[in-house]
Amino acid sequence: MTPWTSLVFLDLPRRVAKVLLSQPRNDHGVISQKMTQEEFAHRVGGARQSVNAALRGFERRGWIQVRNHAVTVKQAAALSRFAGE
């Protein structure tokens, strides 16, 4: 089973977390490839509004930071635990 195959068994916030963790990041945790929420929603098989809600939830917990369409993973370990890794 590929990593993407396992996404179908997860709820949307966990799929969002897994995709965030799979993206290349620089030394500061900034995800290199910028994606619109629409692109992100397509990738995880959900609605843009649901992706936005998941990202805001992660941001409230302090796991990520979203600024100017750039996502910074601040607590990868917590995000990974949430995603079930």
PDB file of N, CA and C in Angstrom:
ATOM      1  N   MET A   1       0.847  -1.177   0.000  1.00  0.00           N
ATOM      2  CA  MET A   1       0.000   0.000   0.000  1.00  0.00           C
ATOM      3  C   MET A   1       0.892   1.239   0.000  1.00  0.00           C
ATOM      4  N   THR A   2       0.624   2.160  -0.906  1.00  0.00           N
ATOM      5  CA  THR A   2       1.404   3.397  -0.985  1.00  0.00           C
ATOM      6  C   THR A   2       0.946   4.368   0.099  1.00  0.00           C
ATOM      7  N   PRO A   3       1.767   5.378   0.430  1.00  0.00           N
ATOM      8  CA  PRO A   3       1.348   6.356   1.431  1.00  0.00           C
ATOM      9  C   PRO A   3       0.045   7.061   1.051  1.00  0.00           C
ATOM     10  N   TRP A   4      -0.167   7.274  -0.255  1.00  0.00           N
ATOM     11  CA  TRP A   4      -1.382   7.971  -0.688  1.00  0.00           C
ATOM     12  C   TRP A   4      -2.595   7.073  -0.577  1.00  0.00           C
ATOM     13  N   THR A   5      -2.421   5.750  -0.724  1.00  0.00           N
ATOM     14  CA  THR A   5      -3.539   4.831  -0.596  1.00  0.00           C
ATOM     15  C   THR A   5      -4.104   4.876   0.807  1.00  0.00           C
ATOM     16  N   SER A   6      -3.251   5.012   1.805  1.00  0.00           N
ATOM     17  CA  SER A   6      -3.711   5.028   3.194  1.00  0.00           C
ATOM     18  C   SER A   6      -4.529   6.266   3.515  1.00  0.00           C
ATOM     19  N   LEU A   7      -4.453   7.316   2.694  1.00  0.00           N
ATOM     20  CA  LEU A   7      -5.211   8.538   2.958  1.00  0.00           C
ATOM     21  C   LEU A   7      -6.715   8.297   2.928  1.00  0.00           C
ATOM     22  N   VAL A   8      -7.174   7.352   2.119  1.00  0.00           N
ATOM     23  CA  VAL A   8      -8.618   7.143   1.982  1.00  0.00           C
ATOM     24  C   VAL A   8      -9.254   6.654   3.276  1.00  0.00           C
ATOM     25  N   PHE A   9      -8.474   6.120   4.188  1.00  0.00           N
ATOM     26  CA  PHE A   9      -9.003   5.589   5.438  1.00  0.00           C
ATOM     27  C   PHE A   9      -9.006   6.617   6.560  1.00  0.00           C
ATOM     28  N   LEU A  10      -8.547   7.824   6.287  1.00  0.00           N
ATOM     29  CA  LEU A  10      -8.451   8.865   7.311  1.00  0.00           C
ATOM     30  C   LEU A  10      -9.508   9.937   7.115  1.00  0.00           C
ATOM     31  N   ASP A  11      -9.881  10.604   8.219  1.00  0.00           N
ATOM     32  CA  ASP A  11     -10.782  11.747   8.073  1.00  0.00           C
ATOM     33  C   ASP A  11     -10.000  12.909   7.464  1.00  0.00           C
ATOM     34  N   LEU A  12     -10.710  13.940   7.033  1.00  0.00           N
ATOM     35  CA  LEU A  12     -10.070  15.018   6.286  1.00  0.00           C
ATOM     36  C   LEU A  12      -8.952  15.722   7.064  1.00  0.00           C
ATOM     37  N   PRO A  13      -9.137  16.094   8.331  1.00  0.00           N
ATOM     38  CA  PRO A  13      -8.026  16.756   9.024  1.00  0.00           C
ATOM     39  C   PRO A  13      -6.755  15.897   9.075  1.00  0.00           C
ATOM     40  N   ARG A  14      -6.898  14.615   9.230  1.00  0.00           N
ATOM     41  CA  ARG A  14      -5.720  13.737   9.262  1.00  0.00           C
ATOM     42  C   ARG A  14      -5.088  13.624   7.869  1.00  0.00           C
ATOM     43  N   ARG A  15      -5.910  13.636   6.827  1.00  0.00           N
ATOM     44  CA  ARG A  15      -5.361  13.638   5.460  1.00  0.00           C
ATOM     45  C   ARG A  15      -4.585  14.925   5.212  1.00  0.00           C
ATOM     46  N   VAL A  16      -5.125  16.053   5.682  1.00  0.00           N
ATOM     47  CA  VAL A  16      -4.429  17.330   5.539  1.00  0.00           C
ATOM     48  C   VAL A  16      -3.093  17.271   6.277  1.00  0.00           C
ATOM     49  N   ALA A  17      -3.099  16.736   7.492  1.00  0.00           N
ATOM     50  CA  ALA A  17      -1.864  16.639   8.278  1.00  0.00           C
ATOM     51  C   ALA A  17      -0.826  15.790   7.549  1.00  0.00           C
ATOM     52  N   LYS A  18      -1.240  14.659   7.006  1.00  0.00           N
ATOM     53  CA  LYS A  18      -0.289  13.779   6.299  1.00  0.00           C
ATOM     54  C   LYS A  18       0.308  14.470   5.079  1.00  0.00           C
ATOM     55  N   VAL A  19      -0.514  15.182   4.332  1.00  0.00           N
ATOM     56  CA  VAL A  19       0.000  15.867   3.150  1.00  0.00           C
ATOM     57  C   VAL A  19       0.965  16.973   3.570  1.00  0.00           C
ATOM     58  N   LEU A  20       0.626  17.711   4.616  1.00  0.00           N
ATOM     59  CA  LEU A  20       1.548  18.743   5.109  1.00  0.00           C
ATOM     60  C   LEU A  20       2.899  18.135   5.458  1.00  0.00           C
ATOM     61  N   LEU A  21       2.875  17.015   6.170  1.00  0.00           N
ATOM     62  CA  LEU A  21       4.117  16.370   6.597  1.00  0.00           C
ATOM     63  C   LEU A  21       4.912  15.791   5.427  1.00  0.00           C
ATOM     64  N   SER A  22       4.235  15.472   4.338  1.00  0.00           N
ATOM     65  CA  SER A  22       4.916  14.864   3.187  1.00  0.00           C
ATOM     66  C   SER A  22       5.613  15.896   2.296  1.00  0.00           C
ATOM     67  N   GLN A  23       5.322  17.171   2.519  1.00  0.00           N
ATOM     68  CA  GLN A  23       5.884  18.220   1.672  1.00  0.00           C
ATOM     69  C   GLN A  23       7.303  18.573   2.095  1.00  0.00           C
ATOM     70  N   PRO A  24       8.183  18.853   1.137  1.00  0.00           N
ATOM     71  CA  PRO A  24       9.542  19.281   1.488  1.00  0.00           C
ATOM     72  C   PRO A  24       9.497  20.622   2.225  1.00  0.00           C
ATOM     73  N   ARG A  25      10.322  20.716   3.279  1.00  0.00           N
ATOM     74  CA  ARG A  25      10.389  21.934   4.087  1.00  0.00           C
ATOM     75  C   ARG A  25      11.829  22.398   4.202  1.00  0.00           C
ATOM     76  N   ASN A  26      11.998  23.712   4.354  1.00  0.00           N
ATOM     77  CA  ASN A  26      13.351  24.226   4.571  1.00  0.00           C
ATOM     78  C   ASN A  26      13.728  24.082   6.048  1.00  0.00           C
ATOM     79  N   ASP A  27      14.873  24.591   6.435  1.00  0.00           N
ATOM     80  CA  ASP A  27      15.368  24.449   7.809  1.00  0.00           C
ATOM     81  C   ASP A  27      14.472  25.123   8.842  1.00  0.00           C
ATOM     82  N   HIS A  28      13.646  26.047   8.398  1.00  0.00           N
ATOM     83  CA  HIS A  28      12.754  26.768   9.306  1.00  0.00           C
ATOM     84  C   HIS A  28      11.355  26.167   9.330  1.00  0.00           C
ATOM     85  N   GLY A  29      11.157  25.068   8.612  1.00  0.00           N
ATOM     86  CA  GLY A  29       9.866  24.398   8.586  1.00  0.00           C
ATOM     87  C   GLY A  29       8.908  24.910   7.541  1.00  0.00           C
ATOM     88  N   VAL A  30       9.350  25.863   6.715  1.00  0.00           N
ATOM     89  CA  VAL A  30       8.484  26.427   5.678  1.00  0.00           C
ATOM     90  C   VAL A  30       8.363  25.426   4.529  1.00  0.00           C
ATOM     91  N   ILE A  31       7.127  25.109   4.179  1.00  0.00           N
ATOM     92  CA  ILE A  31       6.892  24.192   3.061  1.00  0.00           C
ATOM     93  C   ILE A  31       7.294  24.888   1.774  1.00  0.00           C
ATOM     94  N   SER A  32       8.161  24.218   1.018  1.00  0.00           N
ATOM     95  CA  SER A  32       8.754  24.798  -0.187  1.00  0.00           C
ATOM     96  C   SER A  32       7.739  25.081  -1.275  1.00  0.00           C
ATOM     97  N   GLN A  33       6.855  24.143  -1.521  1.00  0.00           N
ATOM     98  CA  GLN A  33       5.896  24.272  -2.612  1.00  0.00           C
ATOM     99  C   GLN A  33       4.620  24.924  -2.077  1.00  0.00           C
ATOM    100  N   LYS A  34       4.299  26.094  -2.621  1.00  0.00           N
ATOM    101  CA  LYS A  34       3.058  26.756  -2.219  1.00  0.00           C
ATOM    102  C   LYS A  34       1.907  26.162  -3.002  1.00  0.00           C
ATOM    103  N   MET A  35       0.819  25.831  -2.290  1.00  0.00           N
ATOM    104  CA  MET A  35      -0.387  25.305  -2.915  1.00  0.00           C
ATOM    105  C   MET A  35      -1.554  26.185  -2.487  1.00  0.00           C
ATOM    106  N   THR A  36      -2.469  26.427  -3.396  1.00  0.00           N
ATOM    107  CA  THR A  36      -3.685  27.126  -2.999  1.00  0.00           C
ATOM    108  C   THR A  36      -4.540  26.139  -2.197  1.00  0.00           C
ATOM    109  N   GLN A  37      -5.490  26.672  -1.451  1.00  0.00           N
ATOM    110  CA  GLN A  37      -6.378  25.776  -0.708  1.00  0.00           C
ATOM    111  C   GLN A  37      -7.200  24.919  -1.661  1.00  0.00           C
ATOM    112  N   GLU A  38      -7.494  25.451  -2.826  1.00  0.00           N
ATOM    113  CA  GLU A  38      -8.230  24.680  -3.830  1.00  0.00           C
ATOM    114  C   GLU A  38      -7.394  23.478  -4.291  1.00  0.00           C
ATOM    115  N   GLU A  39      -6.105  23.701  -4.567  1.00  0.00           N
ATOM    116  CA  GLU A  39      -5.205  22.604  -4.955  1.00  0.00           C
ATOM    117  C   GLU A  39      -5.067  21.597  -3.823  1.00  0.00           C
ATOM    118  N   PHE A  40      -4.952  22.115  -2.612  1.00  0.00           N
ATOM    119  CA  PHE A  40      -4.825  21.254  -1.432  1.00  0.00           C
ATOM    120  C   PHE A  40      -6.075  20.397  -1.284  1.00  0.00           C
ATOM    121  N   ALA A  41      -7.249  21.019  -1.437  1.00  0.00           N
ATOM    122  CA  ALA A  41      -8.518  20.296  -1.314  1.00  0.00           C
ATOM    123  C   ALA A  41      -8.606  19.181  -2.351  1.00  0.00           C
ATOM    124  N   HIS A  42      -8.186  19.474  -3.576  1.00  0.00           N
ATOM    125  CA  HIS A  42      -8.196  18.461  -4.622  1.00  0.00           C
ATOM    126  C   HIS A  42      -7.285  17.290  -4.239  1.00  0.00           C
ATOM    127  N   ARG A  43      -6.146  17.607  -3.682  1.00  0.00           N
ATOM    128  CA  ARG A  43      -5.166  16.574  -3.313  1.00  0.00           C
ATOM    129  C   ARG A  43      -5.671  15.654  -2.203  1.00  0.00           C
ATOM    130  N   VAL A  44      -6.414  16.215  -1.228  1.00  0.00           N
ATOM    131  CA  VAL A  44      -6.892  15.400  -0.108  1.00  0.00           C
ATOM    132  C   VAL A  44      -8.316  14.899  -0.293  1.00  0.00           C
ATOM    133  N   GLY A  45      -8.943  15.300  -1.417  1.00  0.00           N
ATOM    134  CA  GLY A  45     -10.295  14.828  -1.698  1.00  0.00           C
ATOM    135  C   GLY A  45     -11.348  15.456  -0.814  1.00  0.00           C
ATOM    136  N   GLY A  46     -11.233  16.750  -0.600  1.00  0.00           N
ATOM    137  CA  GLY A  46     -12.208  17.447   0.233  1.00  0.00           C
ATOM    138  C   GLY A  46     -12.537  18.807  -0.331  1.00  0.00           C
ATOM    139  N   ALA A  47     -13.369  19.539   0.383  1.00  0.00           N
ATOM    140  CA  ALA A  47     -13.754  20.889  -0.020  1.00  0.00           C
ATOM    141  C   ALA A  47     -12.734  21.906   0.504  1.00  0.00           C
ATOM    142  N   ARG A  48     -12.570  22.993  -0.242  1.00  0.00           N
ATOM    143  CA  ARG A  48     -11.638  24.044   0.170  1.00  0.00           C
ATOM    144  C   ARG A  48     -11.979  24.564   1.573  1.00  0.00           C
ATOM    145  N   GLN A  49     -13.252  24.707   1.873  1.00  0.00           N
ATOM    146  CA  GLN A  49     -13.669  25.203   3.178  1.00  0.00           C
ATOM    147  C   GLN A  49     -13.256  24.243   4.297  1.00  0.00           C
ATOM    148  N   SER A  50     -13.323  22.956   4.032  1.00  0.00           N
ATOM    149  CA  SER A  50     -12.929  21.953   5.031  1.00  0.00           C
ATOM    150  C   SER A  50     -11.423  21.966   5.253  1.00  0.00           C
ATOM    151  N   VAL A  51     -10.663  22.154   4.174  1.00  0.00           N
ATOM    152  CA  VAL A  51      -9.205  22.263   4.295  1.00  0.00           C
ATOM    153  C   VAL A  51      -8.863  23.501   5.107  1.00  0.00           C
ATOM    154  N   ASN A  52      -9.547  24.610   4.830  1.00  0.00           N
ATOM    155  CA  ASN A  52      -9.315  25.842   5.570  1.00  0.00           C
ATOM    156  C   ASN A  52      -9.580  25.628   7.054  1.00  0.00           C
ATOM    157  N   ALA A  53     -10.669  24.948   7.394  1.00  0.00           N
ATOM    158  CA  ALA A  53     -11.000  24.683   8.793  1.00  0.00           C
ATOM    159  C   ALA A  53      -9.920  23.822   9.459  1.00  0.00           C
ATOM    160  N   ALA A  54      -9.428  22.822   8.740  1.00  0.00           N
ATOM    161  CA  ALA A  54      -8.370  21.957   9.294  1.00  0.00           C
ATOM    162  C   ALA A  54      -7.095  22.763   9.532  1.00  0.00           C
ATOM    163  N   LEU A  55      -6.709  23.580   8.555  1.00  0.00           N
ATOM    164  CA  LEU A  55      -5.496  24.396   8.705  1.00  0.00           C
ATOM    165  C   LEU A  55      -5.636  25.367   9.874  1.00  0.00           C
ATOM    166  N   ARG A  56      -6.797  25.986  10.014  1.00  0.00           N
ATOM    167  CA  ARG A  56      -7.022  26.926  11.127  1.00  0.00           C
ATOM    168  C   ARG A  56      -6.958  26.198  12.469  1.00  0.00           C
ATOM    169  N   GLY A  57      -7.488  24.985  12.508  1.00  0.00           N
ATOM    170  CA  GLY A  57      -7.410  24.185  13.732  1.00  0.00           C
ATOM    171  C   GLY A  57      -5.969  23.867  14.106  1.00  0.00           C
ATOM    172  N   PHE A  58      -5.166  23.495  13.112  1.00  0.00           N
ATOM    173  CA  PHE A  58      -3.743  23.217  13.361  1.00  0.00           C
ATOM    174  C   PHE A  58      -3.033  24.480  13.821  1.00  0.00           C
ATOM    175  N   GLU A  59      -3.419  25.604  13.232  1.00  0.00           N
ATOM    176  CA  GLU A  59      -2.796  26.876  13.595  1.00  0.00           C
ATOM    177  C   GLU A  59      -3.149  27.256  15.039  1.00  0.00           C
ATOM    178  N   ARG A  60      -4.412  27.058  15.421  1.00  0.00           N
ATOM    179  CA  ARG A  60      -4.826  27.345  16.811  1.00  0.00           C
ATOM    180  C   ARG A  60      -4.043  26.500  17.815  1.00  0.00           C
ATOM    181  N   ARG A  61      -3.732  25.277  17.441  1.00  0.00           N
ATOM    182  CA  ARG A  61      -2.970  24.386  18.327  1.00  0.00           C
ATOM    183  C   ARG A  61      -1.479  24.729  18.347  1.00  0.00           C
ATOM    184  N   GLY A  62      -1.056  25.587  17.422  1.00  0.00           N
ATOM    185  CA  GLY A  62       0.353  25.961  17.358  1.00  0.00           C
ATOM    186  C   GLY A  62       1.211  25.003  16.556  1.00  0.00           C
ATOM    187  N   TRP A  63       0.576  24.109  15.802  1.00  0.00           N
ATOM    188  CA  TRP A  63       1.315  23.114  15.033  1.00  0.00           C
ATOM    189  C   TRP A  63       1.855  23.687  13.738  1.00  0.00           C
ATOM    190  N   ILE A  64       1.121  24.633  13.155  1.00  0.00           N
ATOM    191  CA  ILE A  64       1.546  25.265  11.900  1.00  0.00           C
ATOM    192  C   ILE A  64       1.329  26.768  12.007  1.00  0.00           C
ATOM    193  N   GLN A  65       1.874  27.473  11.033  1.00  0.00           N
ATOM    194  CA  GLN A  65       1.615  28.906  10.890  1.00  0.00           C
ATOM    195  C   GLN A  65       1.367  29.154   9.407  1.00  0.00           C
ATOM    196  N   VAL A  66       0.317  29.912   9.113  1.00  0.00           N
ATOM    197  CA  VAL A  66       0.005  30.252   7.725  1.00  0.00           C
ATOM    198  C   VAL A  66       0.143  31.760   7.581  1.00  0.00           C
ATOM    199  N   ARG A  67       1.035  32.174   6.689  1.00  0.00           N
ATOM    200  CA  ARG A  67       1.250  33.597   6.407  1.00  0.00           C
ATOM    201  C   ARG A  67       1.515  33.784   4.926  1.00  0.00           C
ATOM    202  N   ASN A  68       0.759  34.685   4.317  1.00  0.00           N
ATOM    203  CA  ASN A  68       0.951  35.002   2.899  1.00  0.00           C
ATOM    204  C   ASN A  68       1.005  33.743   2.031  1.00  0.00           C
ATOM    205  N   HIS A  69       0.098  32.833   2.267  1.00  0.00           N
ATOM    206  CA  HIS A  69      -0.012  31.583   1.498  1.00  0.00           C
ATOM    207  C   HIS A  69       1.164  30.636   1.717  1.00  0.00           C
ATOM    208  N   ALA A  70       2.016  30.936   2.684  1.00  0.00           N
ATOM    209  CA  ALA A  70       3.119  30.027   3.015  1.00  0.00           C
ATOM    210  C   ALA A  70       2.781  29.318   4.324  1.00  0.00           C
ATOM    211  N   VAL A  71       2.986  28.012   4.346  1.00  0.00           N
ATOM    212  CA  VAL A  71       2.717  27.222   5.545  1.00  0.00           C
ATOM    213  C   VAL A  71       4.038  26.836   6.179  1.00  0.00           C
ATOM    214  N   THR A  72       4.149  27.100   7.485  1.00  0.00           N
ATOM    215  CA  THR A  72       5.317  26.704   8.259  1.00  0.00           C
ATOM    216  C   THR A  72       4.882  25.644   9.257  1.00  0.00           C
ATOM    217  N   VAL A  73       5.545  24.494   9.221  1.00  0.00           N
ATOM    218  CA  VAL A  73       5.274  23.441  10.194  1.00  0.00           C
ATOM    219  C   VAL A  73       6.115  23.765  11.426  1.00  0.00           C
ATOM    220  N   LYS A  74       5.439  24.081  12.540  1.00  0.00           N
ATOM    221  CA  LYS A  74       6.127  24.490  13.753  1.00  0.00           C
ATOM    222  C   LYS A  74       6.311  23.325  14.726  1.00  0.00           C
ATOM    223  N   GLN A  75       5.377  22.381  14.718  1.00  0.00           N
ATOM    224  CA  GLN A  75       5.463  21.229  15.611  1.00  0.00           C
ATOM    225  C   GLN A  75       5.161  19.951  14.819  1.00  0.00           C
ATOM    226  N   ALA A  76       6.160  19.509  14.092  1.00  0.00           N
ATOM    227  CA  ALA A  76       5.987  18.334  13.230  1.00  0.00           C
ATOM    228  C   ALA A  76       5.637  17.085  14.033  1.00  0.00           C
ATOM    229  N   ALA A  77       6.202  16.933  15.220  1.00  0.00           N
ATOM    230  CA  ALA A  77       5.943  15.745  16.029  1.00  0.00           C
ATOM    231  C   ALA A  77       4.474  15.677  16.433  1.00  0.00           C
ATOM    232  N   ALA A  78       3.907  16.806  16.841  1.00  0.00           N
ATOM    233  CA  ALA A  78       2.488  16.830  17.236  1.00  0.00           C
ATOM    234  C   ALA A  78       1.592  16.557  16.036  1.00  0.00           C
ATOM    235  N   LEU A  79       1.926  17.141  14.908  1.00  0.00           N
ATOM    236  CA  LEU A  79       1.169  16.928  13.676  1.00  0.00           C
ATOM    237  C   LEU A  79       1.252  15.457  13.251  1.00  0.00           C
ATOM    238  N   SER A  80       2.425  14.885  13.408  1.00  0.00           N
ATOM    239  CA  SER A  80       2.639  13.488  13.057  1.00  0.00           C
ATOM    240  C   SER A  80       1.826  12.554  13.969  1.00  0.00           C
ATOM    241  N   ARG A  81       1.806  12.836  15.261  1.00  0.00           N
ATOM    242  CA  ARG A  81       1.004  12.031  16.182  1.00  0.00           C
ATOM    243  C   ARG A  81      -0.473  12.111  15.812  1.00  0.00           C
ATOM    244  N   PHE A  82      -0.935  13.327  15.510  1.00  0.00           N
ATOM    245  CA  PHE A  82      -2.332  13.517  15.123  1.00  0.00           C
ATOM    246  C   PHE A  82      -2.657  12.707  13.866  1.00  0.00           C
ATOM    247  N   ALA A  83      -1.737  12.700  12.922  1.00  0.00           N
ATOM    248  CA  ALA A  83      -1.947  11.988  11.659  1.00  0.00           C
ATOM    249  C   ALA A  83      -1.859  10.481  11.817  1.00  0.00           C
ATOM    250  N   GLY A  84      -1.406  10.021  12.968  1.00  0.00           N
ATOM    251  CA  GLY A  84      -1.310   8.588  13.224  1.00  0.00           C
ATOM    252  C   GLY A  84      -0.046   7.952  12.713  1.00  0.00           C
ATOM    253  N   GLU A  85       1.006   8.760  12.593  1.00  0.00           N
ATOM    254  CA  GLU A  85       2.289   8.222  12.096  1.00  0.00           C
ATOM    255  C   GLU A  85       3.148   7.747  13.235  1.00  0.00           C
TER     256      GLU A  85
END
